[in-house]
């Protein structure tokens, strides 16, 4: 697991891992304190979107690294592309997994909420 985090570029994958831990803690907190989880749900939504954006930013940097390696060597070989492409694939994949975990947590918290906790327009009180 640590090898895959390092393959994706520590600058991008470690913050995604930290965000995963924060999101899981918030989901647990939201499930325990169900009376005030409207703010927790909003925070999880924001963090999940940030995580997704961060992963795709990592993809962009991975592609830049891959093409810089090709440009610096003057020839196209699989070895030159491998590092950058691995970074370009792992970051968004990890971010999407974290995003889906966050969204599943939100769906669970919303499903256990009482109807009296919602405004007439469907928003949380």
PDB file of N, CA and C in Angstrom:
ATOM      1  N   UNK A   1       0.831  -1.199   0.000  1.00  0.00           N
ATOM      2  CA  UNK A   1       0.000   0.000   0.000  1.00  0.00           C
ATOM      3  C   UNK A   1       0.872   1.258   0.000  1.00  0.00           C
ATOM      4  N   UNK A   2       1.889   1.272   0.845  1.00  0.00           N
ATOM      5  CA  UNK A   2       2.779   2.432   0.914  1.00  0.00           C
ATOM      6  C   UNK A   2       3.492   2.627  -0.423  1.00  0.00           C
ATOM      7  N   UNK A   3       3.856   1.515  -1.078  1.00  0.00           N
ATOM      8  CA  UNK A   3       4.516   1.622  -2.387  1.00  0.00           C
ATOM      9  C   UNK A   3       3.610   2.302  -3.405  1.00  0.00           C
ATOM     10  N   UNK A   4       2.319   1.958  -3.386  1.00  0.00           N
ATOM     11  CA  UNK A   4       1.376   2.584  -4.323  1.00  0.00           C
ATOM     12  C   UNK A   4       1.194   4.066  -4.002  1.00  0.00           C
ATOM     13  N   UNK A   5       1.194   4.403  -2.714  1.00  0.00           N
ATOM     14  CA  UNK A   5       1.097   5.823  -2.348  1.00  0.00           C
ATOM     15  C   UNK A   5       2.312   6.586  -2.860  1.00  0.00           C
ATOM     16  N   UNK A   6       3.475   5.982  -2.753  1.00  0.00           N
ATOM     17  CA  UNK A   6       4.684   6.641  -3.242  1.00  0.00           C
ATOM     18  C   UNK A   6       4.725   6.685  -4.772  1.00  0.00           C
ATOM     19  N   UNK A   7       4.188   5.643  -5.429  1.00  0.00           N
ATOM     20  CA  UNK A   7       4.151   5.627  -6.894  1.00  0.00           C
ATOM     21  C   UNK A   7       3.274   6.750  -7.439  1.00  0.00           C
ATOM     22  N   UNK A   8       2.233   7.084  -6.720  1.00  0.00           N
ATOM     23  CA  UNK A   8       1.331   8.142  -7.158  1.00  0.00           C
ATOM     24  C   UNK A   8       1.863   9.532  -6.890  1.00  0.00           C
ATOM     25  N   UNK A   9       2.998   9.611  -6.249  1.00  0.00           N
ATOM     26  CA  UNK A   9       3.569  10.909  -5.903  1.00  0.00           C
ATOM     27  C   UNK A   9       3.114  11.310  -4.508  1.00  0.00           C
ATOM     28  N   UNK A  10       4.021  11.277  -3.527  1.00  0.00           N
ATOM     29  CA  UNK A  10       3.637  11.549  -2.142  1.00  0.00           C
ATOM     30  C   UNK A  10       2.959  12.899  -1.944  1.00  0.00           C
ATOM     31  N   UNK A  11       3.310  13.866  -2.751  1.00  0.00           N
ATOM     32  CA  UNK A  11       2.720  15.197  -2.608  1.00  0.00           C
ATOM     33  C   UNK A  11       1.208  15.177  -2.854  1.00  0.00           C
ATOM     34  N   UNK A  12       0.757  14.233  -3.646  1.00  0.00           N
ATOM     35  CA  UNK A  12      -0.674  14.148  -3.951  1.00  0.00           C
ATOM     36  C   UNK A  12      -1.374  13.027  -3.193  1.00  0.00           C
ATOM     37  N   UNK A  13      -0.737  11.878  -3.048  1.00  0.00           N
ATOM     38  CA  UNK A  13      -1.438  10.752  -2.452  1.00  0.00           C
ATOM     39  C   UNK A  13      -1.539  10.831  -0.933  1.00  0.00           C
ATOM     40  N   UNK A  14      -0.538  11.350  -0.256  1.00  0.00           N
ATOM     41  CA  UNK A  14      -0.626  11.432   1.207  1.00  0.00           C
ATOM     42  C   UNK A  14      -1.718  12.398   1.670  1.00  0.00           C
ATOM     43  N   UNK A  15      -1.878  13.562   1.055  1.00  0.00           N
ATOM     44  CA  UNK A  15      -3.031  14.394   1.431  1.00  0.00           C
ATOM     45  C   UNK A  15      -4.374  13.707   1.166  1.00  0.00           C
ATOM     46  N   UNK A  16      -4.466  12.928   0.097  1.00  0.00           N
ATOM     47  CA  UNK A  16      -5.707  12.194  -0.166  1.00  0.00           C
ATOM     48  C   UNK A  16      -5.946  11.172   0.936  1.00  0.00           C
ATOM     49  N   UNK A  17      -4.880  10.515   1.401  1.00  0.00           N
ATOM     50  CA  UNK A  17      -5.014   9.549   2.495  1.00  0.00           C
ATOM     51  C   UNK A  17      -5.447  10.256   3.785  1.00  0.00           C
ATOM     52  N   UNK A  18      -4.892  11.415   4.056  1.00  0.00           N
ATOM     53  CA  UNK A  18      -5.291  12.184   5.239  1.00  0.00           C
ATOM     54  C   UNK A  18      -6.752  12.603   5.130  1.00  0.00           C
ATOM     55  N   UNK A  19      -7.159  13.044   3.953  1.00  0.00           N
ATOM     56  CA  UNK A  19      -8.558  13.414   3.739  1.00  0.00           C
ATOM     57  C   UNK A  19      -9.488  12.218   3.908  1.00  0.00           C
ATOM     58  N   UNK A  20      -9.052  11.033   3.510  1.00  0.00           N
ATOM     59  CA  UNK A  20      -9.844   9.827   3.720  1.00  0.00           C
ATOM     60  C   UNK A  20     -10.080   9.591   5.211  1.00  0.00           C
ATOM     61  N   UNK A  21      -9.022   9.729   6.003  1.00  0.00           N
ATOM     62  CA  UNK A  21      -9.152   9.533   7.449  1.00  0.00           C
ATOM     63  C   UNK A  21     -10.099  10.578   8.040  1.00  0.00           C
ATOM     64  N   UNK A  22      -9.958  11.824   7.622  1.00  0.00           N
ATOM     65  CA  UNK A  22     -10.829  12.894   8.130  1.00  0.00           C
ATOM     66  C   UNK A  22     -12.284  12.623   7.749  1.00  0.00           C
ATOM     67  N   UNK A  23     -12.514  12.206   6.528  1.00  0.00           N
ATOM     68  CA  UNK A  23     -13.876  11.921   6.066  1.00  0.00           C
ATOM     69  C   UNK A  23     -14.483  10.763   6.846  1.00  0.00           C
ATOM     70  N   UNK A  24     -13.712   9.714   7.073  1.00  0.00           N
ATOM     71  CA  UNK A  24     -14.224   8.570   7.833  1.00  0.00           C
ATOM     72  C   UNK A  24     -14.557   8.989   9.264  1.00  0.00           C
ATOM     73  N   UNK A  25     -13.701   9.790   9.877  1.00  0.00           N
ATOM     74  CA  UNK A  25     -13.973  10.290  11.237  1.00  0.00           C
ATOM     75  C   UNK A  25     -15.249  11.130  11.243  1.00  0.00           C
ATOM     76  N   UNK A  26     -15.418  11.985  10.239  1.00  0.00           N
ATOM     77  CA  UNK A  26     -16.635  12.799  10.161  1.00  0.00           C
ATOM     78  C   UNK A  26     -17.886  11.952   9.942  1.00  0.00           C
ATOM     79  N   UNK A  27     -17.768  10.902   9.155  1.00  0.00           N
ATOM     80  CA  UNK A  27     -18.913  10.012   8.942  1.00  0.00           C
ATOM     81  C   UNK A  27     -19.294   9.340  10.257  1.00  0.00           C
ATOM     82  N   UNK A  28     -18.298   8.858  10.984  1.00  0.00           N
ATOM     83  CA  UNK A  28     -18.577   8.224  12.278  1.00  0.00           C
ATOM     84  C   UNK A  28     -19.195   9.231  13.242  1.00  0.00           C
ATOM     85  N   UNK A  29     -18.643  10.434  13.270  1.00  0.00           N
ATOM     86  CA  UNK A  29     -19.187  11.486  14.143  1.00  0.00           C
ATOM     87  C   UNK A  29     -20.619  11.830  13.758  1.00  0.00           C
ATOM     88  N   UNK A  30     -20.877  11.924  12.460  1.00  0.00           N
ATOM     89  CA  UNK A  30     -22.219  12.233  11.992  1.00  0.00           C
ATOM     90  C   UNK A  30     -23.223  11.143  12.313  1.00  0.00           C
ATOM     91  N   UNK A  31     -22.770   9.892  12.311  1.00  0.00           N
ATOM     92  CA  UNK A  31     -23.670   8.792  12.657  1.00  0.00           C
ATOM     93  C   UNK A  31     -23.941   8.737  14.157  1.00  0.00           C
ATOM     94  N   UNK A  32     -22.950   9.104  14.959  1.00  0.00           N
ATOM     95  CA  UNK A  32     -23.124   9.078  16.414  1.00  0.00           C
ATOM     96  C   UNK A  32     -23.980  10.247  16.882  1.00  0.00           C
ATOM     97  N   UNK A  33     -23.647  11.447  16.388  1.00  0.00           N
ATOM     98  CA  UNK A  33     -24.403  12.646  16.760  1.00  0.00           C
ATOM     99  C   UNK A  33     -25.350  12.995  15.624  1.00  0.00           C
ATOM    100  N   UNK A  34     -26.424  12.260  15.537  1.00  0.00           N
ATOM    101  CA  UNK A  34     -27.323  12.431  14.394  1.00  0.00           C
ATOM    102  C   UNK A  34     -28.147  13.714  14.473  1.00  0.00           C
ATOM    103  N   UNK A  35     -28.178  14.376  15.617  1.00  0.00           N
ATOM    104  CA  UNK A  35     -28.983  15.592  15.725  1.00  0.00           C
ATOM    105  C   UNK A  35     -28.356  16.770  14.990  1.00  0.00           C
ATOM    106  N   UNK A  36     -27.046  16.825  14.944  1.00  0.00           N
ATOM    107  CA  UNK A  36     -26.394  17.988  14.340  1.00  0.00           C
ATOM    108  C   UNK A  36     -25.516  17.590  13.164  1.00  0.00           C
ATOM    109  N   UNK A  37     -25.993  16.670  12.329  1.00  0.00           N
ATOM    110  CA  UNK A  37     -25.121  16.246  11.245  1.00  0.00           C
ATOM    111  C   UNK A  37     -25.338  17.005   9.938  1.00  0.00           C
ATOM    112  N   UNK A  38     -26.169  18.036   9.922  1.00  0.00           N
ATOM    113  CA  UNK A  38     -26.311  18.846   8.713  1.00  0.00           C
ATOM    114  C   UNK A  38     -25.009  19.531   8.347  1.00  0.00           C
ATOM    115  N   UNK A  39     -24.340  20.071   9.347  1.00  0.00           N
ATOM    116  CA  UNK A  39     -23.052  20.731   9.119  1.00  0.00           C
ATOM    117  C   UNK A  39     -21.984  19.701   8.746  1.00  0.00           C
ATOM    118  N   UNK A  40     -22.042  18.527   9.378  1.00  0.00           N
ATOM    119  CA  UNK A  40     -21.080  17.467   9.074  1.00  0.00           C
ATOM    120  C   UNK A  40     -21.253  16.990   7.631  1.00  0.00           C
ATOM    121  N   UNK A  41     -22.489  16.840   7.197  1.00  0.00           N
ATOM    122  CA  UNK A  41     -22.748  16.417   5.816  1.00  0.00           C
ATOM    123  C   UNK A  41     -22.216  17.454   4.830  1.00  0.00           C
ATOM    124  N   UNK A  42     -22.434  18.724   5.117  1.00  0.00           N
ATOM    125  CA  UNK A  42     -21.920  19.782   4.239  1.00  0.00           C
ATOM    126  C   UNK A  42     -20.393  19.752   4.190  1.00  0.00           C
ATOM    127  N   UNK A  43     -19.764  19.497   5.332  1.00  0.00           N
ATOM    128  CA  UNK A  43     -18.301  19.434   5.374  1.00  0.00           C
ATOM    129  C   UNK A  43     -17.783  18.228   4.601  1.00  0.00           C
ATOM    130  N   UNK A  44     -18.443  17.093   4.748  1.00  0.00           N
ATOM    131  CA  UNK A  44     -18.031  15.901   4.007  1.00  0.00           C
ATOM    132  C   UNK A  44     -18.192  16.128   2.503  1.00  0.00           C
ATOM    133  N   UNK A  45     -19.268  16.775   2.099  1.00  0.00           N
ATOM    134  CA  UNK A  45     -19.463  17.083   0.672  1.00  0.00           C
ATOM    135  C   UNK A  45     -18.319  17.933   0.132  1.00  0.00           C
ATOM    136  N   UNK A  46     -17.970  18.974   0.873  1.00  0.00           N
ATOM    137  CA  UNK A  46     -16.892  19.861   0.434  1.00  0.00           C
ATOM    138  C   UNK A  46     -15.559  19.126   0.375  1.00  0.00           C
ATOM    139  N   UNK A  47     -15.260  18.341   1.409  1.00  0.00           N
ATOM    140  CA  UNK A  47     -14.004  17.599   1.425  1.00  0.00           C
ATOM    141  C   UNK A  47     -13.948  16.560   0.306  1.00  0.00           C
ATOM    142  N   UNK A  48     -15.072  15.937  -0.002  1.00  0.00           N
ATOM    143  CA  UNK A  48     -15.062  14.935  -1.063  1.00  0.00           C
ATOM    144  C   UNK A  48     -14.790  15.575  -2.423  1.00  0.00           C
ATOM    145  N   UNK A  49     -15.383  16.725  -2.677  1.00  0.00           N
ATOM    146  CA  UNK A  49     -15.119  17.423  -3.942  1.00  0.00           C
ATOM    147  C   UNK A  49     -13.677  17.918  -4.005  1.00  0.00           C
ATOM    148  N   UNK A  50     -13.151  18.409  -2.873  1.00  0.00           N
ATOM    149  CA  UNK A  50     -11.753  18.848  -2.838  1.00  0.00           C
ATOM    150  C   UNK A  50     -10.818  17.675  -3.123  1.00  0.00           C
ATOM    151  N   UNK A  51     -11.114  16.525  -2.525  1.00  0.00           N
ATOM    152  CA  UNK A  51     -10.293  15.335  -2.749  1.00  0.00           C
ATOM    153  C   UNK A  51     -10.290  14.942  -4.219  1.00  0.00           C
ATOM    154  N   UNK A  52     -11.442  14.978  -4.836  1.00  0.00           N
ATOM    155  CA  UNK A  52     -11.537  14.645  -6.250  1.00  0.00           C
ATOM    156  C   UNK A  52     -10.725  15.617  -7.107  1.00  0.00           C
ATOM    157  N   UNK A  53     -10.851  16.893  -6.820  1.00  0.00           N
ATOM    158  CA  UNK A  53     -10.089  17.900  -7.567  1.00  0.00           C
ATOM    159  C   UNK A  53      -8.583  17.718  -7.353  1.00  0.00           C
ATOM    160  N   UNK A  54      -8.182  17.408  -6.122  1.00  0.00           N
ATOM    161  CA  UNK A  54      -6.766  17.208  -5.806  1.00  0.00           C
ATOM    162  C   UNK A  54      -6.209  16.004  -6.581  1.00  0.00           C
ATOM    163  N   UNK A  55      -6.992  14.949  -6.681  1.00  0.00           N
ATOM    164  CA  UNK A  55      -6.555  13.774  -7.430  1.00  0.00           C
ATOM    165  C   UNK A  55      -6.367  14.067  -8.908  1.00  0.00           C
ATOM    166  N   UNK A  56      -7.268  14.849  -9.483  1.00  0.00           N
ATOM    167  CA  UNK A  56      -7.125  15.176 -10.900  1.00  0.00           C
ATOM    168  C   UNK A  56      -6.026  16.202 -11.139  1.00  0.00           C
ATOM    169  N   UNK A  57      -5.726  17.014 -10.145  1.00  0.00           N
ATOM    170  CA  UNK A  57      -4.551  17.888 -10.237  1.00  0.00           C
ATOM    171  C   UNK A  57      -3.293  17.031 -10.270  1.00  0.00           C
ATOM    172  N   UNK A  58      -3.262  15.982  -9.442  1.00  0.00           N
ATOM    173  CA  UNK A  58      -2.141  15.044  -9.463  1.00  0.00           C
ATOM    174  C   UNK A  58      -1.995  14.356 -10.798  1.00  0.00           C
ATOM    175  N   UNK A  59      -3.126  14.048 -11.434  1.00  0.00           N
ATOM    176  CA  UNK A  59      -3.079  13.446 -12.767  1.00  0.00           C
ATOM    177  C   UNK A  59      -2.423  14.388 -13.765  1.00  0.00           C
ATOM    178  N   UNK A  60      -2.777  15.638 -13.679  1.00  0.00           N
ATOM    179  CA  UNK A  60      -2.208  16.625 -14.594  1.00  0.00           C
ATOM    180  C   UNK A  60      -0.700  16.729 -14.413  1.00  0.00           C
ATOM    181  N   UNK A  61      -0.243  16.775 -13.156  1.00  0.00           N
ATOM    182  CA  UNK A  61       1.194  16.832 -12.912  1.00  0.00           C
ATOM    183  C   UNK A  61       1.882  15.547 -13.368  1.00  0.00           C
ATOM    184  N   UNK A  62       1.227  14.397 -13.200  1.00  0.00           N
ATOM    185  CA  UNK A  62       1.800  13.142 -13.667  1.00  0.00           C
ATOM    186  C   UNK A  62       2.008  13.130 -15.174  1.00  0.00           C
ATOM    187  N   UNK A  63       1.041  13.650 -15.907  1.00  0.00           N
ATOM    188  CA  UNK A  63       1.193  13.723 -17.362  1.00  0.00           C
ATOM    189  C   UNK A  63       2.301  14.685 -17.765  1.00  0.00           C
ATOM    190  N   UNK A  64       2.407  15.798 -17.050  1.00  0.00           N
ATOM    191  CA  UNK A  64       3.486  16.753 -17.337  1.00  0.00           C
ATOM    192  C   UNK A  64       4.844  16.100 -17.105  1.00  0.00           C
ATOM    193  N   UNK A  65       4.979  15.347 -16.000  1.00  0.00           N
ATOM    194  CA  UNK A  65       6.235  14.652 -15.711  1.00  0.00           C
ATOM    195  C   UNK A  65       6.549  13.639 -16.814  1.00  0.00           C
ATOM    196  N   UNK A  66       5.542  12.896 -17.243  1.00  0.00           N
ATOM    197  CA  UNK A  66       5.760  11.900 -18.292  1.00  0.00           C
ATOM    198  C   UNK A  66       6.250  12.552 -19.579  1.00  0.00           C
ATOM    199  N   UNK A  67       5.613  13.621 -19.980  1.00  0.00           N
ATOM    200  CA  UNK A  67       6.016  14.281 -21.226  1.00  0.00           C
ATOM    201  C   UNK A  67       7.338  15.022 -21.085  1.00  0.00           C
ATOM    202  N   UNK A  68       7.642  15.528 -19.898  1.00  0.00           N
ATOM    203  CA  UNK A  68       8.957  16.146 -19.669  1.00  0.00           C
ATOM    204  C   UNK A  68      10.071  15.111 -19.794  1.00  0.00           C
ATOM    205  N   UNK A  69       9.823  13.900 -19.292  1.00  0.00           N
ATOM    206  CA  UNK A  69      10.826  12.839 -19.409  1.00  0.00           C
ATOM    207  C   UNK A  69      11.073  12.469 -20.866  1.00  0.00           C
ATOM    208  N   UNK A  70      10.004  12.403 -21.652  1.00  0.00           N
ATOM    209  CA  UNK A  70      10.156  12.093 -23.076  1.00  0.00           C
ATOM    210  C   UNK A  70      10.907  13.216 -23.778  1.00  0.00           C
ATOM    211  N   UNK A  71      10.568  14.444 -23.469  1.00  0.00           N
ATOM    212  CA  UNK A  71      11.230  15.587 -24.105  1.00  0.00           C
ATOM    213  C   UNK A  71      12.709  15.646 -23.741  1.00  0.00           C
ATOM    214  N   UNK A  72      13.036  15.370 -22.487  1.00  0.00           N
ATOM    215  CA  UNK A  72      14.430  15.448 -22.045  1.00  0.00           C
ATOM    216  C   UNK A  72      15.294  14.376 -22.694  1.00  0.00           C
ATOM    217  N   UNK A  73      14.727  13.193 -22.947  1.00  0.00           N
ATOM    218  CA  UNK A  73      15.529  12.115 -23.527  1.00  0.00           C
ATOM    219  C   UNK A  73      15.545  12.168 -25.050  1.00  0.00           C
ATOM    220  N   UNK A  74      14.541  12.760 -25.645  1.00  0.00           N
ATOM    221  CA  UNK A  74      14.491  12.851 -27.094  1.00  0.00           C
ATOM    222  C   UNK A  74      13.919  11.625 -27.776  1.00  0.00           C
ATOM    223  N   UNK A  75      13.574  10.608 -27.021  1.00  0.00           N
ATOM    224  CA  UNK A  75      12.976   9.414 -27.609  1.00  0.00           C
ATOM    225  C   UNK A  75      11.847   8.915 -26.705  1.00  0.00           C
ATOM    226  N   UNK A  76      10.950   8.154 -27.291  1.00  0.00           N
ATOM    227  CA  UNK A  76       9.786   7.657 -26.565  1.00  0.00           C
ATOM    228  C   UNK A  76       9.997   6.181 -26.236  1.00  0.00           C
ATOM    229  N   UNK A  77      10.161   5.905 -24.942  1.00  0.00           N
ATOM    230  CA  UNK A  77      10.289   4.518 -24.488  1.00  0.00           C
ATOM    231  C   UNK A  77       9.287   4.286 -23.356  1.00  0.00           C
ATOM    232  N   UNK A  78       8.840   3.053 -23.196  1.00  0.00           N
ATOM    233  CA  UNK A  78       7.892   2.757 -22.113  1.00  0.00           C
ATOM    234  C   UNK A  78       8.443   3.118 -20.735  1.00  0.00           C
ATOM    235  N   UNK A  79       9.715   2.929 -20.508  1.00  0.00           N
ATOM    236  CA  UNK A  79      10.321   3.231 -19.211  1.00  0.00           C
ATOM    237  C   UNK A  79      10.206   4.721 -18.886  1.00  0.00           C
ATOM    238  N   UNK A  80      10.357   5.576 -19.875  1.00  0.00           N
ATOM    239  CA  UNK A  80      10.265   7.015 -19.638  1.00  0.00           C
ATOM    240  C   UNK A  80       8.846   7.441 -19.271  1.00  0.00           C
ATOM    241  N   UNK A  81       7.876   6.807 -19.889  1.00  0.00           N
ATOM    242  CA  UNK A  81       6.487   7.168 -19.641  1.00  0.00           C
ATOM    243  C   UNK A  81       5.912   6.539 -18.374  1.00  0.00           C
ATOM    244  N   UNK A  82       6.476   5.417 -17.948  1.00  0.00           N
ATOM    245  CA  UNK A  82       5.858   4.628 -16.880  1.00  0.00           C
ATOM    246  C   UNK A  82       5.652   5.415 -15.588  1.00  0.00           C
ATOM    247  N   UNK A  83       6.669   6.123 -15.128  1.00  0.00           N
ATOM    248  CA  UNK A  83       6.548   6.842 -13.864  1.00  0.00           C
ATOM    249  C   UNK A  83       5.472   7.914 -13.893  1.00  0.00           C
ATOM    250  N   UNK A  84       5.478   8.713 -14.926  1.00  0.00           N
ATOM    251  CA  UNK A  84       4.480   9.776 -15.039  1.00  0.00           C
ATOM    252  C   UNK A  84       3.079   9.251 -15.248  1.00  0.00           C
ATOM    253  N   UNK A  85       2.963   8.203 -16.057  1.00  0.00           N
ATOM    254  CA  UNK A  85       1.632   7.635 -16.293  1.00  0.00           C
ATOM    255  C   UNK A  85       1.088   6.939 -15.051  1.00  0.00           C
ATOM    256  N   UNK A  86       1.977   6.323 -14.283  1.00  0.00           N
ATOM    257  CA  UNK A  86       1.535   5.690 -13.041  1.00  0.00           C
ATOM    258  C   UNK A  86       0.986   6.747 -12.090  1.00  0.00           C
ATOM    259  N   UNK A  87       1.683   7.873 -12.005  1.00  0.00           N
ATOM    260  CA  UNK A  87       1.216   8.984 -11.172  1.00  0.00           C
ATOM    261  C   UNK A  87      -0.103   9.533 -11.715  1.00  0.00           C
ATOM    262  N   UNK A  88      -0.216   9.575 -13.033  1.00  0.00           N
ATOM    263  CA  UNK A  88      -1.422  10.115 -13.659  1.00  0.00           C
ATOM    264  C   UNK A  88      -2.629   9.201 -13.470  1.00  0.00           C
ATOM    265  N   UNK A  89      -2.411   7.928 -13.258  1.00  0.00           N
ATOM    266  CA  UNK A  89      -3.522   6.990 -13.085  1.00  0.00           C
ATOM    267  C   UNK A  89      -3.878   6.798 -11.614  1.00  0.00           C
ATOM    268  N   UNK A  90      -2.876   6.695 -10.751  1.00  0.00           N
ATOM    269  CA  UNK A  90      -3.126   6.382  -9.344  1.00  0.00           C
ATOM    270  C   UNK A  90      -3.826   7.505  -8.586  1.00  0.00           C
ATOM    271  N   UNK A  91      -3.448   8.739  -8.829  1.00  0.00           N
ATOM    272  CA  UNK A  91      -4.037   9.852  -8.073  1.00  0.00           C
ATOM    273  C   UNK A  91      -5.549   9.985  -8.284  1.00  0.00           C
ATOM    274  N   UNK A  92      -6.038  10.051  -9.511  1.00  0.00           N
ATOM    275  CA  UNK A  92      -7.482  10.152  -9.662  1.00  0.00           C
ATOM    276  C   UNK A  92      -8.219   8.897  -9.188  1.00  0.00           C
ATOM    277  N   UNK A  93      -7.606   7.724  -9.355  1.00  0.00           N
ATOM    278  CA  UNK A  93      -8.244   6.498  -8.894  1.00  0.00           C
ATOM    279  C   UNK A  93      -8.436   6.528  -7.384  1.00  0.00           C
ATOM    280  N   UNK A  94      -7.398   6.895  -6.658  1.00  0.00           N
ATOM    281  CA  UNK A  94      -7.477   6.973  -5.204  1.00  0.00           C
ATOM    282  C   UNK A  94      -8.479   8.044  -4.778  1.00  0.00           C
ATOM    283  N   UNK A  95      -8.466   9.177  -5.462  1.00  0.00           N
ATOM    284  CA  UNK A  95      -9.407  10.263  -5.135  1.00  0.00           C
ATOM    285  C   UNK A  95     -10.853   9.846  -5.405  1.00  0.00           C
ATOM    286  N   UNK A  96     -11.091   9.102  -6.468  1.00  0.00           N
ATOM    287  CA  UNK A  96     -12.449   8.637  -6.773  1.00  0.00           C
ATOM    288  C   UNK A  96     -12.925   7.662  -5.709  1.00  0.00           C
ATOM    289  N   UNK A  97     -12.043   6.780  -5.240  1.00  0.00           N
ATOM    290  CA  UNK A  97     -12.413   5.843  -4.181  1.00  0.00           C
ATOM    291  C   UNK A  97     -12.795   6.605  -2.909  1.00  0.00           C
ATOM    292  N   UNK A  98     -11.999   7.610  -2.535  1.00  0.00           N
ATOM    293  CA  UNK A  98     -12.302   8.422  -1.350  1.00  0.00           C
ATOM    294  C   UNK A  98     -13.619   9.174  -1.555  1.00  0.00           C
ATOM    295  N   UNK A  99     -13.829   9.706  -2.745  1.00  0.00           N
ATOM    296  CA  UNK A  99     -15.072  10.415  -3.062  1.00  0.00           C
ATOM    297  C   UNK A  99     -16.279   9.493  -2.890  1.00  0.00           C
ATOM    298  N   UNK A 100     -16.176   8.275  -3.387  1.00  0.00           N
ATOM    299  CA  UNK A 100     -17.284   7.325  -3.282  1.00  0.00           C
ATOM    300  C   UNK A 100     -17.542   6.914  -1.830  1.00  0.00           C
ATOM    301  N   UNK A 101     -16.497   6.753  -1.041  1.00  0.00           N
ATOM    302  CA  UNK A 101     -16.662   6.449   0.378  1.00  0.00           C
ATOM    303  C   UNK A 101     -17.393   7.598   1.066  1.00  0.00           C
ATOM    304  N   UNK A 102     -16.990   8.821   0.769  1.00  0.00           N
ATOM    305  CA  UNK A 102     -17.644   9.991   1.369  1.00  0.00           C
ATOM    306  C   UNK A 102     -19.109  10.061   0.963  1.00  0.00           C
ATOM    307  N   UNK A 103     -19.379   9.841  -0.296  1.00  0.00           N
ATOM    308  CA  UNK A 103     -20.766   9.902  -0.763  1.00  0.00           C
ATOM    309  C   UNK A 103     -21.614   8.775  -0.179  1.00  0.00           C
ATOM    310  N   UNK A 104     -21.039   7.599   0.000  1.00  0.00           N
ATOM    311  CA  UNK A 104     -21.770   6.497   0.630  1.00  0.00           C
ATOM    312  C   UNK A 104     -22.088   6.843   2.084  1.00  0.00           C
ATOM    313  N   UNK A 105     -21.143   7.475   2.766  1.00  0.00           N
ATOM    314  CA  UNK A 105     -21.388   7.910   4.141  1.00  0.00           C
ATOM    315  C   UNK A 105     -22.499   8.945   4.223  1.00  0.00           C
ATOM    316  N   UNK A 106     -22.505   9.876   3.282  1.00  0.00           N
ATOM    317  CA  UNK A 106     -23.555  10.897   3.244  1.00  0.00           C
ATOM    318  C   UNK A 106     -24.908  10.235   2.997  1.00  0.00           C
ATOM    319  N   UNK A 107     -24.957   9.315   2.052  1.00  0.00           N
ATOM    320  CA  UNK A 107     -26.211   8.617   1.769  1.00  0.00           C
ATOM    321  C   UNK A 107     -26.720   7.862   2.997  1.00  0.00           C
ATOM    322  N   UNK A 108     -25.807   7.233   3.716  1.00  0.00           N
ATOM    323  CA  UNK A 108     -26.226   6.516   4.920  1.00  0.00           C
ATOM    324  C   UNK A 108     -26.773   7.488   5.964  1.00  0.00           C
ATOM    325  N   UNK A 109     -26.057   8.592   6.194  1.00  0.00           N
ATOM    326  CA  UNK A 109     -26.515   9.562   7.197  1.00  0.00           C
ATOM    327  C   UNK A 109     -27.862  10.151   6.819  1.00  0.00           C
ATOM    328  N   UNK A 110     -28.074  10.403   5.553  1.00  0.00           N
ATOM    329  CA  UNK A 110     -29.361  10.937   5.113  1.00  0.00           C
ATOM    330  C   UNK A 110     -30.474   9.894   5.227  1.00  0.00           C
ATOM    331  N   UNK A 111     -30.136   8.635   5.007  1.00  0.00           N
ATOM    332  CA  UNK A 111     -31.166   7.597   5.059  1.00  0.00           C
ATOM    333  C   UNK A 111     -31.659   7.331   6.481  1.00  0.00           C
ATOM    334  N   UNK A 112     -30.821   7.590   7.475  1.00  0.00           N
ATOM    335  CA  UNK A 112     -31.242   7.336   8.852  1.00  0.00           C
ATOM    336  C   UNK A 112     -31.837   8.575   9.519  1.00  0.00           C
ATOM    337  N   UNK A 113     -31.825   9.696   8.823  1.00  0.00           N
ATOM    338  CA  UNK A 113     -32.420  10.921   9.382  1.00  0.00           C
ATOM    339  C   UNK A 113     -33.933  10.788   9.411  1.00  0.00           C
ATOM    340  N   UNK A 114     -34.519  11.421  10.393  1.00  0.00           N
ATOM    341  CA  UNK A 114     -35.977  11.436  10.500  1.00  0.00           C
ATOM    342  C   UNK A 114     -36.538  12.474   9.538  1.00  0.00           C
ATOM    343  N   UNK A 115     -37.770  12.267   9.119  1.00  0.00           N
ATOM    344  CA  UNK A 115     -38.414  13.222   8.216  1.00  0.00           C
ATOM    345  C   UNK A 115     -38.561  14.588   8.871  1.00  0.00           C
ATOM    346  N   UNK A 116     -38.658  14.655  10.178  1.00  0.00           N
ATOM    347  CA  UNK A 116     -38.812  15.931  10.871  1.00  0.00           C
ATOM    348  C   UNK A 116     -37.530  16.750  10.857  1.00  0.00           C
ATOM    349  N   UNK A 117     -36.397  16.142  10.464  1.00  0.00           N
ATOM    350  CA  UNK A 117     -35.123  16.859  10.405  1.00  0.00           C
ATOM    351  C   UNK A 117     -34.930  17.606   9.087  1.00  0.00           C
ATOM    352  N   UNK A 118     -35.881  17.497   8.173  1.00  0.00           N
ATOM    353  CA  UNK A 118     -35.751  18.120   6.867  1.00  0.00           C
ATOM    354  C   UNK A 118     -36.730  19.303   6.736  1.00  0.00           C
ATOM    355  N   UNK A 119     -36.300  20.300   6.005  1.00  0.00           N
ATOM    356  CA  UNK A 119     -37.175  21.430   5.645  1.00  0.00           C
ATOM    357  C   UNK A 119     -38.129  20.951   4.568  1.00  0.00           C
ATOM    358  N   UNK A 120     -39.203  21.698   4.306  1.00  0.00           N
ATOM    359  CA  UNK A 120     -40.128  21.302   3.220  1.00  0.00           C
ATOM    360  C   UNK A 120     -39.469  21.219   1.840  1.00  0.00           C
ATOM    361  N   UNK A 121     -38.382  21.981   1.608  1.00  0.00           N
ATOM    362  CA  UNK A 121     -37.708  21.940   0.312  1.00  0.00           C
ATOM    363  C   UNK A 121     -36.695  20.809   0.203  1.00  0.00           C
ATOM    364  N   UNK A 122     -36.578  19.972   1.254  1.00  0.00           N
ATOM    365  CA  UNK A 122     -35.670  18.829   1.204  1.00  0.00           C
ATOM    366  C   UNK A 122     -34.321  19.064   1.829  1.00  0.00           C
ATOM    367  N   UNK A 123     -34.016  20.282   2.210  1.00  0.00           N
ATOM    368  CA  UNK A 123     -32.743  20.604   2.849  1.00  0.00           C
ATOM    369  C   UNK A 123     -32.788  20.194   4.319  1.00  0.00           C
ATOM    370  N   UNK A 124     -31.612  19.935   4.880  1.00  0.00           N
ATOM    371  CA  UNK A 124     -31.519  19.624   6.302  1.00  0.00           C
ATOM    372  C   UNK A 124     -31.746  20.892   7.133  1.00  0.00           C
ATOM    373  N   UNK A 125     -32.374  20.719   8.286  1.00  0.00           N
ATOM    374  CA  UNK A 125     -32.548  21.854   9.204  1.00  0.00           C
ATOM    375  C   UNK A 125     -31.241  22.196   9.858  1.00  0.00           C
TER     376      UNK A 125
END
